[in-house]
């Protein structure tokens, strides 16, 4: 369905009425293929963070989606961005017990500095 919508010209960055962009939702729910389709269609991997929201990277890190975290980082997601509550993706991975993702994010943070 997502591929059909994107092929028909749907905006991959158009947020829902409650402010959630497709890439954020796909990242949170671990939808690897949809994340790839959205990025290929131009979805912003570093969208603005609004009140009570995370970036796609933070969502994937908090939920333990290693492949999505790696894909987002490879496509330029900024691991140093803070959520509206002040947490980075690494903070969220650590607090959720996702050590492999935390390690990926430590390396990504070091490369960005």
PDB file of N, CA and C in Angstrom:
ATOM      1  N   UNK A   1       0.817  -1.183   0.000  1.00  0.00           N
ATOM      2  CA  UNK A   1       0.000   0.000   0.000  1.00  0.00           C
ATOM      3  C   UNK A   1       0.872   1.263   0.000  1.00  0.00           C
ATOM      4  N   UNK A   2       1.888   1.281   0.853  1.00  0.00           N
ATOM      5  CA  UNK A   2       2.754   2.458   0.932  1.00  0.00           C
ATOM      6  C   UNK A   2       3.426   2.706  -0.416  1.00  0.00           C
ATOM      7  N   UNK A   3       3.904   1.636  -1.050  1.00  0.00           N
ATOM      8  CA  UNK A   3       4.548   1.789  -2.362  1.00  0.00           C
ATOM      9  C   UNK A   3       3.583   2.370  -3.376  1.00  0.00           C
ATOM     10  N   UNK A   4       2.336   1.938  -3.353  1.00  0.00           N
ATOM     11  CA  UNK A   4       1.337   2.472  -4.281  1.00  0.00           C
ATOM     12  C   UNK A   4       1.099   3.956  -4.041  1.00  0.00           C
ATOM     13  N   UNK A   5       0.973   4.325  -2.788  1.00  0.00           N
ATOM     14  CA  UNK A   5       0.755   5.734  -2.462  1.00  0.00           C
ATOM     15  C   UNK A   5       1.943   6.592  -2.877  1.00  0.00           C
ATOM     16  N   UNK A   6       3.147   6.110  -2.598  1.00  0.00           N
ATOM     17  CA  UNK A   6       4.342   6.868  -2.984  1.00  0.00           C
ATOM     18  C   UNK A   6       4.448   6.972  -4.503  1.00  0.00           C
ATOM     19  N   UNK A   7       4.139   5.883  -5.205  1.00  0.00           N
ATOM     20  CA  UNK A   7       4.183   5.894  -6.672  1.00  0.00           C
ATOM     21  C   UNK A   7       3.159   6.861  -7.247  1.00  0.00           C
ATOM     22  N   UNK A   8       2.058   7.062  -6.528  1.00  0.00           N
ATOM     23  CA  UNK A   8       1.019   7.985  -6.981  1.00  0.00           C
ATOM     24  C   UNK A   8       1.323   9.425  -6.583  1.00  0.00           C
ATOM     25  N   UNK A   9       2.476   9.635  -5.922  1.00  0.00           N
ATOM     26  CA  UNK A   9       2.894  10.996  -5.592  1.00  0.00           C
ATOM     27  C   UNK A   9       2.633  11.434  -4.172  1.00  0.00           C
ATOM     28  N   UNK A  10       2.294  10.519  -3.288  1.00  0.00           N
ATOM     29  CA  UNK A  10       2.070  10.895  -1.887  1.00  0.00           C
ATOM     30  C   UNK A  10       3.341  11.485  -1.287  1.00  0.00           C
ATOM     31  N   UNK A  11       3.169  12.470  -0.438  1.00  0.00           N
ATOM     32  CA  UNK A  11       4.291  13.128   0.233  1.00  0.00           C
ATOM     33  C   UNK A  11       4.772  12.255   1.392  1.00  0.00           C
ATOM     34  N   UNK A  12       6.014  11.759   1.352  1.00  0.00           N
ATOM     35  CA  UNK A  12       6.494  10.886   2.426  1.00  0.00           C
ATOM     36  C   UNK A  12       6.704  11.601   3.754  1.00  0.00           C
ATOM     37  N   UNK A  13       6.591  12.929   3.746  1.00  0.00           N
ATOM     38  CA  UNK A  13       6.777  13.701   4.974  1.00  0.00           C
ATOM     39  C   UNK A  13       5.475  14.257   5.541  1.00  0.00           C
ATOM     40  N   UNK A  14       4.349  13.973   4.883  1.00  0.00           N
ATOM     41  CA  UNK A  14       3.066  14.505   5.331  1.00  0.00           C
ATOM     42  C   UNK A  14       2.649  13.827   6.629  1.00  0.00           C
ATOM     43  N   UNK A  15       2.544  14.612   7.673  1.00  0.00           N
ATOM     44  CA  UNK A  15       2.201  14.073   8.990  1.00  0.00           C
ATOM     45  C   UNK A  15       0.696  13.914   9.141  1.00  0.00           C
ATOM     46  N   UNK A  16       0.322  13.022  10.031  1.00  0.00           N
ATOM     47  CA  UNK A  16      -1.090  12.827  10.359  1.00  0.00           C
ATOM     48  C   UNK A  16      -1.595  14.033  11.140  1.00  0.00           C
ATOM     49  N   UNK A  17      -2.881  14.056  11.428  1.00  0.00           N
ATOM     50  CA  UNK A  17      -3.474  15.167  12.171  1.00  0.00           C
ATOM     51  C   UNK A  17      -2.839  15.336  13.551  1.00  0.00           C
ATOM     52  N   UNK A  18      -2.340  14.238  14.128  1.00  0.00           N
ATOM     53  CA  UNK A  18      -1.703  14.342  15.445  1.00  0.00           C
ATOM     54  C   UNK A  18      -0.200  14.564  15.356  1.00  0.00           C
ATOM     55  N   UNK A  19       0.309  14.802  14.144  1.00  0.00           N
ATOM     56  CA  UNK A  19       1.698  15.203  13.974  1.00  0.00           C
ATOM     57  C   UNK A  19       2.704  14.112  13.715  1.00  0.00           C
ATOM     58  N   UNK A  20       2.256  12.882  13.494  1.00  0.00           N
ATOM     59  CA  UNK A  20       3.187  11.788  13.289  1.00  0.00           C
ATOM     60  C   UNK A  20       3.434  11.552  11.808  1.00  0.00           C
ATOM     61  N   UNK A  21       4.693  11.700  11.409  1.00  0.00           N
ATOM     62  CA  UNK A  21       5.074  11.465  10.018  1.00  0.00           C
ATOM     63  C   UNK A  21       5.193   9.963   9.764  1.00  0.00           C
ATOM     64  N   UNK A  22       5.016   9.531   8.524  1.00  0.00           N
ATOM     65  CA  UNK A  22       5.080   8.106   8.204  1.00  0.00           C
ATOM     66  C   UNK A  22       6.388   7.436   8.636  1.00  0.00           C
ATOM     67  N   UNK A  23       7.519   8.130   8.463  1.00  0.00           N
ATOM     68  CA  UNK A  23       8.803   7.521   8.822  1.00  0.00           C
ATOM     69  C   UNK A  23       8.896   7.284  10.323  1.00  0.00           C
ATOM     70  N   UNK A  24       8.352   8.178  11.111  1.00  0.00           N
ATOM     71  CA  UNK A  24       8.341   7.990  12.566  1.00  0.00           C
ATOM     72  C   UNK A  24       7.528   6.747  12.927  1.00  0.00           C
ATOM     73  N   UNK A  25       6.358   6.623  12.357  1.00  0.00           N
ATOM     74  CA  UNK A  25       5.501   5.467  12.658  1.00  0.00           C
ATOM     75  C   UNK A  25       6.133   4.157  12.194  1.00  0.00           C
ATOM     76  N   UNK A  26       6.663   4.139  10.982  1.00  0.00           N
ATOM     77  CA  UNK A  26       7.288   2.917  10.455  1.00  0.00           C
ATOM     78  C   UNK A  26       8.507   2.531  11.287  1.00  0.00           C
ATOM     79  N   UNK A  27       9.265   3.516  11.736  1.00  0.00           N
ATOM     80  CA  UNK A  27      10.444   3.247  12.565  1.00  0.00           C
ATOM     81  C   UNK A  27      10.036   2.697  13.923  1.00  0.00           C
ATOM     82  N   UNK A  28       9.021   3.255  14.507  1.00  0.00           N
ATOM     83  CA  UNK A  28       8.546   2.819  15.826  1.00  0.00           C
ATOM     84  C   UNK A  28       8.032   1.378  15.775  1.00  0.00           C
ATOM     85  N   UNK A  29       7.312   1.047  14.723  1.00  0.00           N
ATOM     86  CA  UNK A  29       6.700  -0.281  14.622  1.00  0.00           C
ATOM     87  C   UNK A  29       7.579  -1.317  13.926  1.00  0.00           C
ATOM     88  N   UNK A  30       8.825  -0.949  13.586  1.00  0.00           N
ATOM     89  CA  UNK A  30       9.763  -1.923  13.039  1.00  0.00           C
ATOM     90  C   UNK A  30       9.473  -2.366  11.616  1.00  0.00           C
ATOM     91  N   UNK A  31       8.928  -1.493  10.823  1.00  0.00           N
ATOM     92  CA  UNK A  31       8.572  -1.813   9.440  1.00  0.00           C
ATOM     93  C   UNK A  31       9.746  -1.508   8.509  1.00  0.00           C
ATOM     94  N   UNK A  32      10.718  -2.429   8.472  1.00  0.00           N
ATOM     95  CA  UNK A  32      11.972  -2.221   7.730  1.00  0.00           C
ATOM     96  C   UNK A  32      11.736  -1.823   6.276  1.00  0.00           C
ATOM     97  N   UNK A  33      10.920  -2.577   5.565  1.00  0.00           N
ATOM     98  CA  UNK A  33      10.710  -2.316   4.140  1.00  0.00           C
ATOM     99  C   UNK A  33      10.060  -0.960   3.918  1.00  0.00           C
ATOM    100  N   UNK A  34       9.102  -0.616   4.756  1.00  0.00           N
ATOM    101  CA  UNK A  34       8.430   0.679   4.611  1.00  0.00           C
ATOM    102  C   UNK A  34       9.400   1.816   4.919  1.00  0.00           C
ATOM    103  N   UNK A  35      10.246   1.640   5.921  1.00  0.00           N
ATOM    104  CA  UNK A  35      11.269   2.653   6.219  1.00  0.00           C
ATOM    105  C   UNK A  35      12.129   2.886   4.974  1.00  0.00           C
ATOM    106  N   UNK A  36      12.566   1.801   4.338  1.00  0.00           N
ATOM    107  CA  UNK A  36      13.370   1.923   3.123  1.00  0.00           C
ATOM    108  C   UNK A  36      12.624   2.626   1.996  1.00  0.00           C
ATOM    109  N   UNK A  37      11.365   2.278   1.804  1.00  0.00           N
ATOM    110  CA  UNK A  37      10.556   2.917   0.758  1.00  0.00           C
ATOM    111  C   UNK A  37      10.398   4.412   1.021  1.00  0.00           C
ATOM    112  N   UNK A  38      10.130   4.765   2.264  1.00  0.00           N
ATOM    113  CA  UNK A  38       9.940   6.177   2.612  1.00  0.00           C
ATOM    114  C   UNK A  38      11.220   6.981   2.434  1.00  0.00           C
ATOM    115  N   UNK A  39      12.338   6.415   2.854  1.00  0.00           N
ATOM    116  CA  UNK A  39      13.618   7.118   2.682  1.00  0.00           C
ATOM    117  C   UNK A  39      13.932   7.284   1.199  1.00  0.00           C
ATOM    118  N   UNK A  40      13.704   6.230   0.429  1.00  0.00           N
ATOM    119  CA  UNK A  40      13.950   6.311  -1.013  1.00  0.00           C
ATOM    120  C   UNK A  40      13.072   7.370  -1.675  1.00  0.00           C
ATOM    121  N   UNK A  41      11.901   7.607  -1.101  1.00  0.00           N
ATOM    122  CA  UNK A  41      10.969   8.598  -1.660  1.00  0.00           C
ATOM    123  C   UNK A  41      11.235  10.002  -1.127  1.00  0.00           C
ATOM    124  N   UNK A  42      12.249  10.153  -0.274  1.00  0.00           N
ATOM    125  CA  UNK A  42      12.625  11.477   0.198  1.00  0.00           C
ATOM    126  C   UNK A  42      12.159  11.840   1.593  1.00  0.00           C
ATOM    127  N   UNK A  43      11.766  10.869   2.395  1.00  0.00           N
ATOM    128  CA  UNK A  43      11.364  11.171   3.773  1.00  0.00           C
ATOM    129  C   UNK A  43      12.539  11.774   4.539  1.00  0.00           C
ATOM    130  N   UNK A  44      12.242  12.744   5.366  1.00  0.00           N
ATOM    131  CA  UNK A  44      13.252  13.450   6.154  1.00  0.00           C
ATOM    132  C   UNK A  44      13.651  12.582   7.348  1.00  0.00           C
ATOM    133  N   UNK A  45      14.921  12.171   7.394  1.00  0.00           N
ATOM    134  CA  UNK A  45      15.392  11.348   8.521  1.00  0.00           C
ATOM    135  C   UNK A  45      15.691  12.192   9.755  1.00  0.00           C
ATOM    136  N   UNK A  46      15.675  13.508   9.604  1.00  0.00           N
ATOM    137  CA  UNK A  46      15.911  14.423  10.726  1.00  0.00           C
ATOM    138  C   UNK A  46      14.789  15.458  10.808  1.00  0.00           C
ATOM    139  N   UNK A  47      13.563  15.011  11.022  1.00  0.00           N
ATOM    140  CA  UNK A  47      12.454  15.969  11.080  1.00  0.00           C
ATOM    141  C   UNK A  47      12.490  16.783  12.365  1.00  0.00           C
ATOM    142  N   UNK A  48      11.788  17.906  12.385  1.00  0.00           N
ATOM    143  CA  UNK A  48      11.703  18.677  13.628  1.00  0.00           C
ATOM    144  C   UNK A  48      11.051  17.840  14.725  1.00  0.00           C
ATOM    145  N   UNK A  49      11.460  18.068  15.959  1.00  0.00           N
ATOM    146  CA  UNK A  49      10.888  17.350  17.102  1.00  0.00           C
ATOM    147  C   UNK A  49       9.871  18.274  17.765  1.00  0.00           C
ATOM    148  N   UNK A  50       8.630  17.836  17.767  1.00  0.00           N
ATOM    149  CA  UNK A  50       7.558  18.604  18.400  1.00  0.00           C
ATOM    150  C   UNK A  50       7.298  18.089  19.800  1.00  0.00           C
ATOM    151  N   UNK A  51       6.441  18.773  20.517  1.00  0.00           N
ATOM    152  CA  UNK A  51       6.123  18.382  21.885  1.00  0.00           C
ATOM    153  C   UNK A  51       5.692  16.918  21.956  1.00  0.00           C
ATOM    154  N   UNK A  52       6.293  16.191  22.900  1.00  0.00           N
ATOM    155  CA  UNK A  52       5.997  14.777  23.170  1.00  0.00           C
ATOM    156  C   UNK A  52       6.277  13.871  21.971  1.00  0.00           C
ATOM    157  N   UNK A  53       7.246  14.217  21.158  1.00  0.00           N
ATOM    158  CA  UNK A  53       7.581  13.363  20.022  1.00  0.00           C
ATOM    159  C   UNK A  53       9.060  13.028  19.997  1.00  0.00           C
ATOM    160  N   UNK A  54       9.362  11.985  19.225  1.00  0.00           N
ATOM    161  CA  UNK A  54      10.719  11.535  18.985  1.00  0.00           C
ATOM    162  C   UNK A  54      11.019  11.658  17.508  1.00  0.00           C
ATOM    163  N   UNK A  55      12.309  11.558  17.178  1.00  0.00           N
ATOM    164  CA  UNK A  55      12.706  11.406  15.779  1.00  0.00           C
ATOM    165  C   UNK A  55      12.530   9.934  15.401  1.00  0.00           C
ATOM    166  N   UNK A  56      12.550   9.616  14.115  1.00  0.00           N
ATOM    167  CA  UNK A  56      12.493   8.204  13.725  1.00  0.00           C
ATOM    168  C   UNK A  56      13.626   7.388  14.361  1.00  0.00           C
ATOM    169  N   UNK A  57      14.825   7.962  14.454  1.00  0.00           N
ATOM    170  CA  UNK A  57      15.953   7.261  15.063  1.00  0.00           C
ATOM    171  C   UNK A  57      15.669   6.961  16.533  1.00  0.00           C
ATOM    172  N   UNK A  58      15.145   7.925  17.255  1.00  0.00           N
ATOM    173  CA  UNK A  58      14.832   7.713  18.663  1.00  0.00           C
ATOM    174  C   UNK A  58      13.757   6.639  18.833  1.00  0.00           C
ATOM    175  N   UNK A  59      12.765   6.656  17.951  1.00  0.00           N
ATOM    176  CA  UNK A  59      11.689   5.660  18.024  1.00  0.00           C
ATOM    177  C   UNK A  59      12.233   4.253  17.795  1.00  0.00           C
ATOM    178  N   UNK A  60      13.045   4.103  16.758  1.00  0.00           N
ATOM    179  CA  UNK A  60      13.616   2.781  16.451  1.00  0.00           C
ATOM    180  C   UNK A  60      14.556   2.314  17.557  1.00  0.00           C
ATOM    181  N   UNK A  61      15.347   3.229  18.100  1.00  0.00           N
ATOM    182  CA  UNK A  61      16.287   2.876  19.168  1.00  0.00           C
ATOM    183  C   UNK A  61      15.551   2.430  20.419  1.00  0.00           C
ATOM    184  N   UNK A  62      14.480   3.114  20.752  1.00  0.00           N
ATOM    185  CA  UNK A  62      13.737   2.778  21.970  1.00  0.00           C
ATOM    186  C   UNK A  62      13.048   1.429  21.868  1.00  0.00           C
ATOM    187  N   UNK A  63      12.724   1.015  20.647  1.00  0.00           N
ATOM    188  CA  UNK A  63      11.986  -0.229  20.440  1.00  0.00           C
ATOM    189  C   UNK A  63      12.881  -1.413  20.070  1.00  0.00           C
ATOM    190  N   UNK A  64      14.184  -1.152  19.894  1.00  0.00           N
ATOM    191  CA  UNK A  64      15.122  -2.241  19.634  1.00  0.00           C
ATOM    192  C   UNK A  64      15.207  -2.686  18.185  1.00  0.00           C
ATOM    193  N   UNK A  65      14.900  -1.822  17.254  1.00  0.00           N
ATOM    194  CA  UNK A  65      14.913  -2.165  15.832  1.00  0.00           C
ATOM    195  C   UNK A  65      16.298  -1.854  15.231  1.00  0.00           C
ATOM    196  N   UNK A  66      17.205  -2.808  15.365  1.00  0.00           N
ATOM    197  CA  UNK A  66      18.610  -2.613  14.994  1.00  0.00           C
ATOM    198  C   UNK A  66      18.764  -2.241  13.523  1.00  0.00           C
ATOM    199  N   UNK A  67      18.120  -2.984  12.638  1.00  0.00           N
ATOM    200  CA  UNK A  67      18.280  -2.719  11.193  1.00  0.00           C
ATOM    201  C   UNK A  67      17.786  -1.324  10.821  1.00  0.00           C
ATOM    202  N   UNK A  68      16.714  -0.898  11.445  1.00  0.00           N
ATOM    203  CA  UNK A  68      16.192   0.442  11.139  1.00  0.00           C
ATOM    204  C   UNK A  68      17.134   1.508  11.680  1.00  0.00           C
ATOM    205  N   UNK A  69      17.651   1.318  12.883  1.00  0.00           N
ATOM    206  CA  UNK A  69      18.624   2.274  13.430  1.00  0.00           C
ATOM    207  C   UNK A  69      19.820   2.380  12.493  1.00  0.00           C
ATOM    208  N   UNK A  70      20.350   1.249  12.053  1.00  0.00           N
ATOM    209  CA  UNK A  70      21.508   1.254  11.145  1.00  0.00           C
ATOM    210  C   UNK A  70      21.161   1.959   9.836  1.00  0.00           C
ATOM    211  N   UNK A  71      19.977   1.701   9.292  1.00  0.00           N
ATOM    212  CA  UNK A  71      19.566   2.328   8.032  1.00  0.00           C
ATOM    213  C   UNK A  71      19.426   3.838   8.195  1.00  0.00           C
ATOM    214  N   UNK A  72      18.785   4.265   9.258  1.00  0.00           N
ATOM    215  CA  UNK A  72      18.616   5.697   9.490  1.00  0.00           C
ATOM    216  C   UNK A  72      19.967   6.397   9.659  1.00  0.00           C
ATOM    217  N   UNK A  73      20.869   5.783  10.403  1.00  0.00           N
ATOM    218  CA  UNK A  73      22.199   6.368  10.567  1.00  0.00           C
ATOM    219  C   UNK A  73      22.929   6.443   9.231  1.00  0.00           C
ATOM    220  N   UNK A  74      22.831   5.398   8.432  1.00  0.00           N
ATOM    221  CA  UNK A  74      23.491   5.372   7.120  1.00  0.00           C
ATOM    222  C   UNK A  74      22.935   6.453   6.202  1.00  0.00           C
ATOM    223  N   UNK A  75      21.673   6.809   6.412  1.00  0.00           N
ATOM    224  CA  UNK A  75      21.049   7.831   5.581  1.00  0.00           C
ATOM    225  C   UNK A  75      21.083   9.216   6.214  1.00  0.00           C
ATOM    226  N   UNK A  76      21.900   9.389   7.258  1.00  0.00           N
ATOM    227  CA  UNK A  76      22.155  10.724   7.786  1.00  0.00           C
ATOM    228  C   UNK A  76      21.386  11.138   9.022  1.00  0.00           C
ATOM    229  N   UNK A  77      20.687  10.214   9.680  1.00  0.00           N
ATOM    230  CA  UNK A  77      19.986  10.586  10.911  1.00  0.00           C
ATOM    231  C   UNK A  77      21.002  11.043  11.957  1.00  0.00           C
ATOM    232  N   UNK A  78      20.673  12.110  12.642  1.00  0.00           N
ATOM    233  CA  UNK A  78      21.576  12.705  13.629  1.00  0.00           C
ATOM    234  C   UNK A  78      21.360  12.074  14.998  1.00  0.00           C
ATOM    235  N   UNK A  79      22.345  11.336  15.505  1.00  0.00           N
ATOM    236  CA  UNK A  79      22.186  10.683  16.815  1.00  0.00           C
ATOM    237  C   UNK A  79      22.271  11.648  17.990  1.00  0.00           C
ATOM    238  N   UNK A  80      22.655  12.883  17.744  1.00  0.00           N
ATOM    239  CA  UNK A  80      22.833  13.848  18.828  1.00  0.00           C
ATOM    240  C   UNK A  80      21.586  14.682  19.113  1.00  0.00           C
ATOM    241  N   UNK A  81      20.546  14.522  18.321  1.00  0.00           N
ATOM    242  CA  UNK A  81      19.308  15.279  18.516  1.00  0.00           C
ATOM    243  C   UNK A  81      18.634  14.820  19.804  1.00  0.00           C
ATOM    244  N   UNK A  82      18.083  15.788  20.535  1.00  0.00           N
ATOM    245  CA  UNK A  82      17.356  15.490  21.773  1.00  0.00           C
ATOM    246  C   UNK A  82      15.852  15.503  21.517  1.00  0.00           C
ATOM    247  N   UNK A  83      15.160  14.599  22.171  1.00  0.00           N
ATOM    248  CA  UNK A  83      13.700  14.576  22.108  1.00  0.00           C
ATOM    249  C   UNK A  83      13.163  15.790  22.858  1.00  0.00           C
ATOM    250  N   UNK A  84      11.856  15.984  22.788  1.00  0.00           N
ATOM    251  CA  UNK A  84      11.259  17.103  23.518  1.00  0.00           C
ATOM    252  C   UNK A  84      11.449  16.945  25.033  1.00  0.00           C
ATOM    253  N   UNK A  85      11.705  15.714  25.485  1.00  0.00           N
ATOM    254  CA  UNK A  85      11.966  15.456  26.908  1.00  0.00           C
ATOM    255  C   UNK A  85      13.455  15.493  27.241  1.00  0.00           C
ATOM    256  N   UNK A  86      14.297  15.751  26.229  1.00  0.00           N
ATOM    257  CA  UNK A  86      15.726  15.897  26.472  1.00  0.00           C
ATOM    258  C   UNK A  86      16.560  14.651  26.297  1.00  0.00           C
ATOM    259  N   UNK A  87      16.009  13.592  25.693  1.00  0.00           N
ATOM    260  CA  UNK A  87      16.724  12.327  25.539  1.00  0.00           C
ATOM    261  C   UNK A  87      17.261  12.159  24.123  1.00  0.00           C
ATOM    262  N   UNK A  88      18.457  11.587  24.019  1.00  0.00           N
ATOM    263  CA  UNK A  88      18.992  11.212  22.711  1.00  0.00           C
ATOM    264  C   UNK A  88      18.552   9.777  22.405  1.00  0.00           C
ATOM    265  N   UNK A  89      18.782   9.355  21.174  1.00  0.00           N
ATOM    266  CA  UNK A  89      18.475   7.970  20.800  1.00  0.00           C
ATOM    267  C   UNK A  89      19.254   6.997  21.686  1.00  0.00           C
ATOM    268  N   UNK A  90      20.506   7.325  21.992  1.00  0.00           N
ATOM    269  CA  UNK A  90      21.312   6.449  22.850  1.00  0.00           C
ATOM    270  C   UNK A  90      20.714   6.343  24.244  1.00  0.00           C
ATOM    271  N   UNK A  91      20.237   7.465  24.790  1.00  0.00           N
ATOM    272  CA  UNK A  91      19.584   7.432  26.103  1.00  0.00           C
ATOM    273  C   UNK A  91      18.398   6.468  26.084  1.00  0.00           C
ATOM    274  N   UNK A  92      17.609   6.549  25.024  1.00  0.00           N
ATOM    275  CA  UNK A  92      16.415   5.711  24.920  1.00  0.00           C
ATOM    276  C   UNK A  92      16.773   4.239  24.736  1.00  0.00           C
ATOM    277  N   UNK A  93      17.806   3.970  23.942  1.00  0.00           N
ATOM    278  CA  UNK A  93      18.254   2.584  23.760  1.00  0.00           C
ATOM    279  C   UNK A  93      18.751   2.009  25.086  1.00  0.00           C
ATOM    280  N   UNK A  94      19.543   2.796  25.799  1.00  0.00           N
ATOM    281  CA  UNK A  94      20.094   2.339  27.081  1.00  0.00           C
ATOM    282  C   UNK A  94      18.973   2.063  28.079  1.00  0.00           C
ATOM    283  N   UNK A  95      18.032   2.990  28.206  1.00  0.00           N
ATOM    284  CA  UNK A  95      16.963   2.817  29.199  1.00  0.00           C
ATOM    285  C   UNK A  95      16.016   1.670  28.843  1.00  0.00           C
ATOM    286  N   UNK A  96      16.022   1.275  27.567  1.00  0.00           N
ATOM    287  CA  UNK A  96      15.179   0.156  27.130  1.00  0.00           C
ATOM    288  C   UNK A  96      15.939  -1.165  27.080  1.00  0.00           C
ATOM    289  N   UNK A  97      17.240  -1.126  27.400  1.00  0.00           N
ATOM    290  CA  UNK A  97      18.040  -2.343  27.459  1.00  0.00           C
ATOM    291  C   UNK A  97      18.503  -2.874  26.114  1.00  0.00           C
ATOM    292  N   UNK A  98      18.690  -1.995  25.149  1.00  0.00           N
ATOM    293  CA  UNK A  98      19.124  -2.408  23.813  1.00  0.00           C
ATOM    294  C   UNK A  98      20.613  -2.079  23.624  1.00  0.00           C
ATOM    295  N   UNK A  99      21.474  -2.938  24.180  1.00  0.00           N
ATOM    296  CA  UNK A  99      22.923  -2.694  24.213  1.00  0.00           C
ATOM    297  C   UNK A  99      23.537  -2.617  22.819  1.00  0.00           C
ATOM    298  N   UNK A 100      23.096  -3.462  21.899  1.00  0.00           N
ATOM    299  CA  UNK A 100      23.656  -3.436  20.541  1.00  0.00           C
ATOM    300  C   UNK A 100      23.384  -2.094  19.866  1.00  0.00           C
ATOM    301  N   UNK A 101      22.183  -1.588  20.047  1.00  0.00           N
ATOM    302  CA  UNK A 101      21.836  -0.291  19.461  1.00  0.00           C
ATOM    303  C   UNK A 101      22.603   0.818  20.159  1.00  0.00           C
ATOM    304  N   UNK A 102      22.741   0.725  21.462  1.00  0.00           N
ATOM    305  CA  UNK A 102      23.505   1.734  22.196  1.00  0.00           C
ATOM    306  C   UNK A 102      24.932   1.807  21.651  1.00  0.00           C
ATOM    307  N   UNK A 103      25.544   0.664  21.373  1.00  0.00           N
ATOM    308  CA  UNK A 103      26.901   0.640  20.813  1.00  0.00           C
ATOM    309  C   UNK A 103      26.951   1.297  19.441  1.00  0.00           C
ATOM    310  N   UNK A 104      25.965   1.001  18.604  1.00  0.00           N
ATOM    311  CA  UNK A 104      25.899   1.645  17.283  1.00  0.00           C
ATOM    312  C   UNK A 104      25.824   3.164  17.428  1.00  0.00           C
ATOM    313  N   UNK A 105      25.020   3.593  18.362  1.00  0.00           N
ATOM    314  CA  UNK A 105      24.817   5.030  18.548  1.00  0.00           C
ATOM    315  C   UNK A 105      26.031   5.719  19.151  1.00  0.00           C
ATOM    316  N   UNK A 106      26.748   5.042  20.027  1.00  0.00           N
ATOM    317  CA  UNK A 106      27.991   5.608  20.573  1.00  0.00           C
ATOM    318  C   UNK A 106      28.959   5.885  19.427  1.00  0.00           C
ATOM    319  N   UNK A 107      29.126   4.896  18.528  1.00  0.00           N
ATOM    320  CA  UNK A 107      30.021   5.088  17.381  1.00  0.00           C
ATOM    321  C   UNK A 107      29.539   6.217  16.478  1.00  0.00           C
ATOM    322  N   UNK A 108      28.245   6.274  16.251  1.00  0.00           N
ATOM    323  CA  UNK A 108      27.693   7.319  15.384  1.00  0.00           C
ATOM    324  C   UNK A 108      27.882   8.698  16.004  1.00  0.00           C
ATOM    325  N   UNK A 109      27.706   8.801  17.318  1.00  0.00           N
ATOM    326  CA  UNK A 109      27.920  10.075  18.000  1.00  0.00           C
ATOM    327  C   UNK A 109      29.375  10.516  17.880  1.00  0.00           C
ATOM    328  N   UNK A 110      30.303   9.576  18.048  1.00  0.00           N
ATOM    329  CA  UNK A 110      31.729   9.913  17.947  1.00  0.00           C
ATOM    330  C   UNK A 110      32.075  10.404  16.551  1.00  0.00           C
ATOM    331  N   UNK A 111      31.480   9.831  15.543  1.00  0.00           N
ATOM    332  CA  UNK A 111      31.732  10.254  14.152  1.00  0.00           C
ATOM    333  C   UNK A 111      31.164  11.634  13.879  1.00  0.00           C
ATOM    334  N   UNK A 112      30.079  12.018  14.550  1.00  0.00           N
ATOM    335  CA  UNK A 112      29.438  13.308  14.321  1.00  0.00           C
ATOM    336  C   UNK A 112      30.151  14.450  15.021  1.00  0.00           C
ATOM    337  N   UNK A 113      30.940  14.128  16.055  1.00  0.00           N
ATOM    338  CA  UNK A 113      31.582  15.202  16.837  1.00  0.00           C
ATOM    339  C   UNK A 113      32.849  15.653  16.217  1.00  0.00           C
TER     340      UNK A 113
END
